[in-house]
Amino acid sequence: MKGDVHDPRGLIADAYAIEGITIGECRTIFLDWALGMPVDADSKAQVKALLVRFAEQPADHPMTQTLLAALKDAAPAKRRGGRAARLS
């Protein structure tokens, strides 16, 4: 096993090791990490554990910012239109 229980493939750890990584690259890595987690995993608890694990990293690191953003609640979905909206 490359990583640990919270980062089995070591994706998050690798992101912290890449010098000059961008926020966009961190978001892509995070998405890959999230898709690899078990369906029944508590993702917020996993992210919190990762933040504790990498607490010594700079707060302005793009991966830290990505992990912090993942803890925020998503905005509610808004209807964007469609046939039913046009007919009412």
PDB file of N, CA and C in Angstrom:
ATOM      1  N   MET A   1       0.855  -1.178   0.000  1.00  0.00           N
ATOM      2  CA  MET A   1       0.000   0.000   0.000  1.00  0.00           C
ATOM      3  C   MET A   1       0.894   1.232   0.000  1.00  0.00           C
ATOM      4  N   LYS A   2       0.644   2.137  -0.913  1.00  0.00           N
ATOM      5  CA  LYS A   2       1.480   3.317  -1.055  1.00  0.00           C
ATOM      6  C   LYS A   2       1.210   4.350   0.035  1.00  0.00           C
ATOM      7  N   GLY A   3      -0.039   4.587   0.332  1.00  0.00           N
ATOM      8  CA  GLY A   3      -0.410   5.630   1.282  1.00  0.00           C
ATOM      9  C   GLY A   3      -0.870   5.069   2.607  1.00  0.00           C
ATOM     10  N   ASP A   4      -1.979   5.611   3.090  1.00  0.00           N
ATOM     11  CA  ASP A   4      -2.585   5.136   4.332  1.00  0.00           C
ATOM     12  C   ASP A   4      -4.093   5.032   4.141  1.00  0.00           C
ATOM     13  N   VAL A   5      -4.811   4.853   5.211  1.00  0.00           N
ATOM     14  CA  VAL A   5      -6.253   4.638   5.127  1.00  0.00           C
ATOM     15  C   VAL A   5      -6.980   5.852   4.551  1.00  0.00           C
ATOM     16  N   HIS A   6      -6.452   7.048   4.761  1.00  0.00           N
ATOM     17  CA  HIS A   6      -7.106   8.265   4.272  1.00  0.00           C
ATOM     18  C   HIS A   6      -6.651   8.652   2.863  1.00  0.00           C
ATOM     19  N   ASP A   7      -5.522   8.136   2.454  1.00  0.00           N
ATOM     20  CA  ASP A   7      -4.959   8.449   1.135  1.00  0.00           C
ATOM     21  C   ASP A   7      -4.302   7.188   0.579  1.00  0.00           C
ATOM     22  N   PRO A   8      -5.126   6.175   0.256  1.00  0.00           N
ATOM     23  CA  PRO A   8      -4.585   4.855  -0.100  1.00  0.00           C
ATOM     24  C   PRO A   8      -3.599   4.852  -1.262  1.00  0.00           C
ATOM     25  N   ARG A   9      -3.835   5.685  -2.259  1.00  0.00           N
ATOM     26  CA  ARG A   9      -2.939   5.706  -3.420  1.00  0.00           C
ATOM     27  C   ARG A   9      -1.857   6.774  -3.304  1.00  0.00           C
ATOM     28  N   GLY A  10      -1.853   7.508  -2.200  1.00  0.00           N
ATOM     29  CA  GLY A  10      -0.837   8.525  -1.978  1.00  0.00           C
ATOM     30  C   GLY A  10      -0.981   9.750  -2.868  1.00  0.00           C
ATOM     31  N   LEU A  11      -2.167   9.977  -3.399  1.00  0.00           N
ATOM     32  CA  LEU A  11      -2.384  11.099  -4.311  1.00  0.00           C
ATOM     33  C   LEU A  11      -2.205  12.445  -3.620  1.00  0.00           C
ATOM     34  N   ILE A  12      -2.767  12.577  -2.436  1.00  0.00           N
ATOM     35  CA  ILE A  12      -2.680  13.845  -1.716  1.00  0.00           C
ATOM     36  C   ILE A  12      -1.241  14.100  -1.294  1.00  0.00           C
ATOM     37  N   ALA A  13      -0.575  13.074  -0.808  1.00  0.00           N
ATOM     38  CA  ALA A  13       0.834  13.210  -0.416  1.00  0.00           C
ATOM     39  C   ALA A  13       1.688  13.609  -1.614  1.00  0.00           C
ATOM     40  N   ASP A  14       1.434  13.003  -2.754  1.00  0.00           N
ATOM     41  CA  ASP A  14       2.177  13.352  -3.968  1.00  0.00           C
ATOM     42  C   ASP A  14       1.939  14.805  -4.362  1.00  0.00           C
ATOM     43  N   ALA A  15       0.712  15.277  -4.208  1.00  0.00           N
ATOM     44  CA  ALA A  15       0.394  16.662  -4.556  1.00  0.00           C
ATOM     45  C   ALA A  15       1.206  17.634  -3.698  1.00  0.00           C
ATOM     46  N   TYR A  16       1.348  17.311  -2.429  1.00  0.00           N
ATOM     47  CA  TYR A  16       2.143  18.172  -1.553  1.00  0.00           C
ATOM     48  C   TYR A  16       3.625  18.133  -1.931  1.00  0.00           C
ATOM     49  N   ALA A  17       4.074  17.069  -2.537  1.00  0.00           N
ATOM     50  CA  ALA A  17       5.487  16.926  -2.902  1.00  0.00           C
ATOM     51  C   ALA A  17       5.840  17.614  -4.220  1.00  0.00           C
ATOM     52  N   ILE A  18       4.838  17.959  -5.026  1.00  0.00           N
ATOM     53  CA  ILE A  18       5.090  18.573  -6.329  1.00  0.00           C
ATOM     54  C   ILE A  18       5.316  20.072  -6.143  1.00  0.00           C
ATOM     55  N   GLU A  19       6.507  20.519  -6.477  1.00  0.00           N
ATOM     56  CA  GLU A  19       6.822  21.936  -6.350  1.00  0.00           C
ATOM     57  C   GLU A  19       6.139  22.724  -7.465  1.00  0.00           C
ATOM     58  N   GLY A  20       5.525  23.829  -7.098  1.00  0.00           N
ATOM     59  CA  GLY A  20       4.883  24.691  -8.083  1.00  0.00           C
ATOM     60  C   GLY A  20       3.536  24.197  -8.575  1.00  0.00           C
ATOM     61  N   ILE A  21       2.918  23.265  -7.861  1.00  0.00           N
ATOM     62  CA  ILE A  21       1.614  22.740  -8.269  1.00  0.00           C
ATOM     63  C   ILE A  21       0.564  23.852  -8.194  1.00  0.00           C
ATOM     64  N   THR A  22      -0.388  23.814  -9.110  1.00  0.00           N
ATOM     65  CA  THR A  22      -1.415  24.857  -9.160  1.00  0.00           C
ATOM     66  C   THR A  22      -2.704  24.387  -8.488  1.00  0.00           C
ATOM     67  N   ILE A  23      -3.594  25.334  -8.225  1.00  0.00           N
ATOM     68  CA  ILE A  23      -4.883  25.005  -7.613  1.00  0.00           C
ATOM     69  C   ILE A  23      -5.694  24.099  -8.541  1.00  0.00           C
ATOM     70  N   GLY A  24      -5.628  24.344  -9.834  1.00  0.00           N
ATOM     71  CA  GLY A  24      -6.354  23.500 -10.787  1.00  0.00           C
ATOM     72  C   GLY A  24      -5.861  22.066 -10.773  1.00  0.00           C
ATOM     73  N   GLU A  25      -4.559  21.904 -10.710  1.00  0.00           N
ATOM     74  CA  GLU A  25      -3.992  20.553 -10.639  1.00  0.00           C
ATOM     75  C   GLU A  25      -4.390  19.871  -9.335  1.00  0.00           C
ATOM     76  N   CYS A  26      -4.411  20.638  -8.241  1.00  0.00           N
ATOM     77  CA  CYS A  26      -4.818  20.066  -6.949  1.00  0.00           C
ATOM     78  C   CYS A  26      -6.285  19.646  -6.972  1.00  0.00           C
ATOM     79  N   ARG A  27      -7.117  20.421  -7.616  1.00  0.00           N
ATOM     80  CA  ARG A  27      -8.535  20.057  -7.719  1.00  0.00           C
ATOM     81  C   ARG A  27      -8.712  18.777  -8.524  1.00  0.00           C
ATOM     82  N   THR A  28      -7.932  18.635  -9.581  1.00  0.00           N
ATOM     83  CA  THR A  28      -7.990  17.413 -10.390  1.00  0.00           C
ATOM     84  C   THR A  28      -7.536  16.211  -9.574  1.00  0.00           C
ATOM     85  N   ILE A  29      -6.456  16.366  -8.824  1.00  0.00           N
ATOM     86  CA  ILE A  29      -5.948  15.288  -7.976  1.00  0.00           C
ATOM     87  C   ILE A  29      -6.979  14.949  -6.904  1.00  0.00           C
ATOM     88  N   PHE A  30      -7.590  15.986  -6.312  1.00  0.00           N
ATOM     89  CA  PHE A  30      -8.603  15.755  -5.284  1.00  0.00           C
ATOM     90  C   PHE A  30      -9.784  14.982  -5.854  1.00  0.00           C
ATOM     91  N   LEU A  31     -10.219  15.343  -7.052  1.00  0.00           N
ATOM     92  CA  LEU A  31     -11.334  14.631  -7.680  1.00  0.00           C
ATOM     93  C   LEU A  31     -10.977  13.164  -7.888  1.00  0.00           C
ATOM     94  N   ASP A  32      -9.770  12.899  -8.345  1.00  0.00           N
ATOM     95  CA  ASP A  32      -9.316  11.527  -8.529  1.00  0.00           C
ATOM     96  C   ASP A  32      -9.312  10.790  -7.189  1.00  0.00           C
ATOM     97  N   TRP A  33      -8.842  11.474  -6.144  1.00  0.00           N
ATOM     98  CA  TRP A  33      -8.837  10.880  -4.805  1.00  0.00           C
ATOM     99  C   TRP A  33     -10.266  10.565  -4.358  1.00  0.00           C
ATOM    100  N   ALA A  34     -11.179  11.527  -4.540  1.00  0.00           N
ATOM    101  CA  ALA A  34     -12.567  11.363  -4.099  1.00  0.00           C
ATOM    102  C   ALA A  34     -13.256  10.223  -4.845  1.00  0.00           C
ATOM    103  N   LEU A  35     -12.994  10.105  -6.137  1.00  0.00           N
ATOM    104  CA  LEU A  35     -13.607   9.027  -6.917  1.00  0.00           C
ATOM    105  C   LEU A  35     -13.073   7.657  -6.512  1.00  0.00           C
ATOM    106  N   GLY A  36     -11.893   7.623  -5.932  1.00  0.00           N
ATOM    107  CA  GLY A  36     -11.309   6.364  -5.499  1.00  0.00           C
ATOM    108  C   GLY A  36     -11.720   5.933  -4.100  1.00  0.00           C
ATOM    109  N   MET A  37     -12.438   6.794  -3.392  1.00  0.00           N
ATOM    110  CA  MET A  37     -12.873   6.455  -2.034  1.00  0.00           C
ATOM    111  C   MET A  37     -14.090   5.538  -2.088  1.00  0.00           C
ATOM    112  N   PRO A  38     -14.229   4.669  -1.087  1.00  0.00           N
ATOM    113  CA  PRO A  38     -15.421   3.810  -1.039  1.00  0.00           C
ATOM    114  C   PRO A  38     -16.701   4.653  -0.961  1.00  0.00           C
ATOM    115  N   VAL A  39     -17.763   4.142  -1.528  1.00  0.00           N
ATOM    116  CA  VAL A  39     -19.033   4.873  -1.578  1.00  0.00           C
ATOM    117  C   VAL A  39     -19.537   5.222  -0.184  1.00  0.00           C
ATOM    118  N   ASP A  40     -19.339   4.343   0.761  1.00  0.00           N
ATOM    119  CA  ASP A  40     -19.868   4.564   2.107  1.00  0.00           C
ATOM    120  C   ASP A  40     -18.906   5.342   3.006  1.00  0.00           C
ATOM    121  N   ALA A  41     -17.798   5.831   2.469  1.00  0.00           N
ATOM    122  CA  ALA A  41     -16.826   6.576   3.272  1.00  0.00           C
ATOM    123  C   ALA A  41     -17.376   7.952   3.629  1.00  0.00           C
ATOM    124  N   ASP A  42     -17.066   8.408   4.826  1.00  0.00           N
ATOM    125  CA  ASP A  42     -17.436   9.749   5.269  1.00  0.00           C
ATOM    126  C   ASP A  42     -16.371  10.695   4.725  1.00  0.00           C
ATOM    127  N   SER A  43     -16.656  11.318   3.602  1.00  0.00           N
ATOM    128  CA  SER A  43     -15.639  12.117   2.910  1.00  0.00           C
ATOM    129  C   SER A  43     -15.166  13.311   3.743  1.00  0.00           C
ATOM    130  N   LYS A  44     -16.075  13.963   4.464  1.00  0.00           N
ATOM    131  CA  LYS A  44     -15.654  15.097   5.293  1.00  0.00           C
ATOM    132  C   LYS A  44     -14.705  14.653   6.394  1.00  0.00           C
ATOM    133  N   ALA A  45     -14.967  13.510   6.991  1.00  0.00           N
ATOM    134  CA  ALA A  45     -14.068  12.989   8.026  1.00  0.00           C
ATOM    135  C   ALA A  45     -12.710  12.638   7.423  1.00  0.00           C
ATOM    136  N   GLN A  46     -12.714  12.090   6.213  1.00  0.00           N
ATOM    137  CA  GLN A  46     -11.466  11.754   5.530  1.00  0.00           C
ATOM    138  C   GLN A  46     -10.658  13.021   5.242  1.00  0.00           C
ATOM    139  N   VAL A  47     -11.331  14.063   4.763  1.00  0.00           N
ATOM    140  CA  VAL A  47     -10.656  15.325   4.452  1.00  0.00           C
ATOM    141  C   VAL A  47     -10.092  15.944   5.724  1.00  0.00           C
ATOM    142  N   LYS A  48     -10.854  15.916   6.803  1.00  0.00           N
ATOM    143  CA  LYS A  48     -10.365  16.453   8.081  1.00  0.00           C
ATOM    144  C   LYS A  48      -9.121  15.706   8.535  1.00  0.00           C
ATOM    145  N   ALA A  49      -9.119  14.393   8.379  1.00  0.00           N
ATOM    146  CA  ALA A  49      -7.950  13.591   8.755  1.00  0.00           C
ATOM    147  C   ALA A  49      -6.741  13.952   7.894  1.00  0.00           C
ATOM    148  N   LEU A  50      -6.979  14.217   6.610  1.00  0.00           N
ATOM    149  CA  LEU A  50      -5.878  14.629   5.735  1.00  0.00           C
ATOM    150  C   LEU A  50      -5.329  15.987   6.149  1.00  0.00           C
ATOM    151  N   LEU A  51      -6.202  16.902   6.534  1.00  0.00           N
ATOM    152  CA  LEU A  51      -5.740  18.212   6.993  1.00  0.00           C
ATOM    153  C   LEU A  51      -4.894  18.091   8.256  1.00  0.00           C
ATOM    154  N   VAL A  52      -5.264  17.177   9.138  1.00  0.00           N
ATOM    155  CA  VAL A  52      -4.459  16.938  10.347  1.00  0.00           C
ATOM    156  C   VAL A  52      -3.114  16.333   9.958  1.00  0.00           C
ATOM    157  N   ARG A  53      -3.163  15.361   9.064  1.00  0.00           N
ATOM    158  CA  ARG A  53      -1.933  14.681   8.637  1.00  0.00           C
ATOM    159  C   ARG A  53      -0.946  15.659   7.998  1.00  0.00           C
ATOM    160  N   PHE A  54      -1.445  16.605   7.204  1.00  0.00           N
ATOM    161  CA  PHE A  54      -0.583  17.538   6.498  1.00  0.00           C
ATOM    162  C   PHE A  54      -0.606  18.932   7.127  1.00  0.00           C
ATOM    163  N   ALA A  55      -0.848  19.005   8.421  1.00  0.00           N
ATOM    164  CA  ALA A  55      -0.949  20.286   9.131  1.00  0.00           C
ATOM    165  C   ALA A  55       0.344  21.088   9.076  1.00  0.00           C
ATOM    166  N   GLU A  56       1.473  20.425   8.888  1.00  0.00           N
ATOM    167  CA  GLU A  56       2.752  21.144   8.851  1.00  0.00           C
ATOM    168  C   GLU A  56       2.990  21.838   7.512  1.00  0.00           C
ATOM    169  N   GLN A  57       2.144  21.552   6.538  1.00  0.00           N
ATOM    170  CA  GLN A  57       2.270  22.195   5.225  1.00  0.00           C
ATOM    171  C   GLN A  57       1.766  23.637   5.304  1.00  0.00           C
ATOM    172  N   PRO A  58       2.277  24.503   4.438  1.00  0.00           N
ATOM    173  CA  PRO A  58       1.831  25.904   4.463  1.00  0.00           C
ATOM    174  C   PRO A  58       0.319  26.021   4.224  1.00  0.00           C
ATOM    175  N   ALA A  59      -0.306  26.953   4.941  1.00  0.00           N
ATOM    176  CA  ALA A  59      -1.762  27.145   4.809  1.00  0.00           C
ATOM    177  C   ALA A  59      -2.145  27.642   3.426  1.00  0.00           C
ATOM    178  N   ASP A  60      -1.206  28.257   2.716  1.00  0.00           N
ATOM    179  CA  ASP A  60      -1.530  28.772   1.381  1.00  0.00           C
ATOM    180  C   ASP A  60      -1.190  27.776   0.269  1.00  0.00           C
ATOM    181  N   HIS A  61      -0.808  26.544   0.644  1.00  0.00           N
ATOM    182  CA  HIS A  61      -0.532  25.522  -0.373  1.00  0.00           C
ATOM    183  C   HIS A  61      -1.839  25.210  -1.107  1.00  0.00           C
ATOM    184  N   PRO A  62      -1.797  25.070  -2.440  1.00  0.00           N
ATOM    185  CA  PRO A  62      -3.026  24.813  -3.197  1.00  0.00           C
ATOM    186  C   PRO A  62      -3.794  23.564  -2.750  1.00  0.00           C
ATOM    187  N   MET A  63      -3.093  22.527  -2.307  1.00  0.00           N
ATOM    188  CA  MET A  63      -3.812  21.328  -1.853  1.00  0.00           C
ATOM    189  C   MET A  63      -4.510  21.599  -0.528  1.00  0.00           C
ATOM    190  N   THR A  64      -3.879  22.354   0.352  1.00  0.00           N
ATOM    191  CA  THR A  64      -4.531  22.714   1.615  1.00  0.00           C
ATOM    192  C   THR A  64      -5.790  23.522   1.321  1.00  0.00           C
ATOM    193  N   GLN A  65      -5.692  24.465   0.395  1.00  0.00           N
ATOM    194  CA  GLN A  65      -6.853  25.269   0.018  1.00  0.00           C
ATOM    195  C   GLN A  65      -7.956  24.402  -0.591  1.00  0.00           C
ATOM    196  N   THR A  66      -7.573  23.415  -1.383  1.00  0.00           N
ATOM    197  CA  THR A  66      -8.539  22.502  -1.997  1.00  0.00           C
ATOM    198  C   THR A  66      -9.239  21.670  -0.926  1.00  0.00           C
ATOM    199  N   LEU A  67      -8.472  21.168   0.029  1.00  0.00           N
ATOM    200  CA  LEU A  67      -9.061  20.361   1.108  1.00  0.00           C
ATOM    201  C   LEU A  67     -10.000  21.201   1.964  1.00  0.00           C
ATOM    202  N   LEU A  68      -9.601  22.432   2.255  1.00  0.00           N
ATOM    203  CA  LEU A  68     -10.474  23.310   3.040  1.00  0.00           C
ATOM    204  C   LEU A  68     -11.766  23.608   2.287  1.00  0.00           C
ATOM    205  N   ALA A  69     -11.665  23.817   0.988  1.00  0.00           N
ATOM    206  CA  ALA A  69     -12.860  24.075   0.175  1.00  0.00           C
ATOM    207  C   ALA A  69     -13.778  22.856   0.163  1.00  0.00           C
ATOM    208  N   ALA A  70     -13.204  21.667   0.246  1.00  0.00           N
ATOM    209  CA  ALA A  70     -14.010  20.444   0.233  1.00  0.00           C
ATOM    210  C   ALA A  70     -14.860  20.308   1.489  1.00  0.00           C
ATOM    211  N   LEU A  71     -14.486  20.987   2.547  1.00  0.00           N
ATOM    212  CA  LEU A  71     -15.257  20.913   3.795  1.00  0.00           C
ATOM    213  C   LEU A  71     -16.483  21.820   3.774  1.00  0.00           C
ATOM    214  N   LYS A  72     -16.494  22.778   2.878  1.00  0.00           N
ATOM    215  CA  LYS A  72     -17.638  23.689   2.798  1.00  0.00           C
ATOM    216  C   LYS A  72     -18.821  22.969   2.181  1.00  0.00           C
ATOM    217  N   ASP A  73     -20.010  23.317   2.648  1.00  0.00           N
ATOM    218  CA  ASP A  73     -21.225  22.730   2.088  1.00  0.00           C
ATOM    219  C   ASP A  73     -21.443  23.263   0.676  1.00  0.00           C
ATOM    220  N   ALA A  74     -21.867  22.387  -0.192  1.00  0.00           N
ATOM    221  CA  ALA A  74     -22.150  22.784  -1.577  1.00  0.00           C
ATOM    222  C   ALA A  74     -23.412  23.625  -1.624  1.00  0.00           C
ATOM    223  N   ALA A  75     -23.446  24.542  -2.549  1.00  0.00           N
ATOM    224  CA  ALA A  75     -24.641  25.364  -2.734  1.00  0.00           C
ATOM    225  C   ALA A  75     -25.769  24.481  -3.253  1.00  0.00           C
ATOM    226  N   PRO A  76     -26.992  24.767  -2.861  1.00  0.00           N
ATOM    227  CA  PRO A  76     -28.109  23.954  -3.356  1.00  0.00           C
ATOM    228  C   PRO A  76     -28.225  24.061  -4.874  1.00  0.00           C
ATOM    229  N   ALA A  77     -28.618  22.978  -5.476  1.00  0.00           N
ATOM    230  CA  ALA A  77     -28.776  22.955  -6.930  1.00  0.00           C
ATOM    231  C   ALA A  77     -29.918  23.874  -7.339  1.00  0.00           C
ATOM    232  N   LYS A  78     -29.715  24.529  -8.456  1.00  0.00           N
ATOM    233  CA  LYS A  78     -30.749  25.427  -8.972  1.00  0.00           C
ATOM    234  C   LYS A  78     -31.237  24.878 -10.298  1.00  0.00           C
ATOM    235  N   ARG A  79     -32.498  25.038 -10.527  1.00  0.00           N
ATOM    236  CA  ARG A  79     -33.068  24.596 -11.793  1.00  0.00           C
ATOM    237  C   ARG A  79     -32.516  25.481 -12.899  1.00  0.00           C
ATOM    238  N   ARG A  80     -32.084  24.846 -13.979  1.00  0.00           N
ATOM    239  CA  ARG A  80     -31.488  25.596 -15.078  1.00  0.00           C
ATOM    240  C   ARG A  80     -32.378  25.623 -16.310  1.00  0.00           C
ATOM    241  N   GLY A  81     -33.583  25.199 -16.199  1.00  0.00           N
ATOM    242  CA  GLY A  81     -34.484  25.245 -17.345  1.00  0.00           C
ATOM    243  C   GLY A  81     -34.850  23.859 -17.847  1.00  0.00           C
ATOM    244  N   GLY A  82     -35.235  23.785 -19.068  1.00  0.00           N
ATOM    245  CA  GLY A  82     -35.669  22.527 -19.632  1.00  0.00           C
ATOM    246  C   GLY A  82     -37.093  22.642 -20.138  1.00  0.00           C
ATOM    247  N   ARG A  83     -37.583  21.580 -20.686  1.00  0.00           N
ATOM    248  CA  ARG A  83     -38.913  21.580 -21.289  1.00  0.00           C
ATOM    249  C   ARG A  83     -40.013  21.957 -20.288  1.00  0.00           C
ATOM    250  N   ALA A  84     -39.972  21.367 -19.102  1.00  0.00           N
ATOM    251  CA  ALA A  84     -41.022  21.621 -18.119  1.00  0.00           C
ATOM    252  C   ALA A  84     -41.061  23.110 -17.740  1.00  0.00           C
ATOM    253  N   ALA A  85     -39.922  23.767 -17.657  1.00  0.00           N
ATOM    254  CA  ALA A  85     -39.893  25.183 -17.303  1.00  0.00           C
ATOM    255  C   ALA A  85     -40.474  26.043 -18.417  1.00  0.00           C
ATOM    256  N   ARG A  86     -40.283  25.640 -19.646  1.00  0.00           N
ATOM    257  CA  ARG A  86     -40.808  26.415 -20.776  1.00  0.00           C
ATOM    258  C   ARG A  86     -42.305  26.258 -20.933  1.00  0.00           C
ATOM    259  N   LEU A  87     -42.861  25.145 -20.504  1.00  0.00           N
ATOM    260  CA  LEU A  87     -44.283  24.888 -20.692  1.00  0.00           C
ATOM    261  C   LEU A  87     -45.142  25.410 -19.553  1.00  0.00           C
ATOM    262  N   SER A  88     -44.540  25.819 -18.456  1.00  0.00           N
ATOM    263  CA  SER A  88     -45.356  26.275 -17.321  1.00  0.00           C
ATOM    264  C   SER A  88     -45.671  27.732 -17.380  1.00  0.00           C
TER     265      SER A  88
END
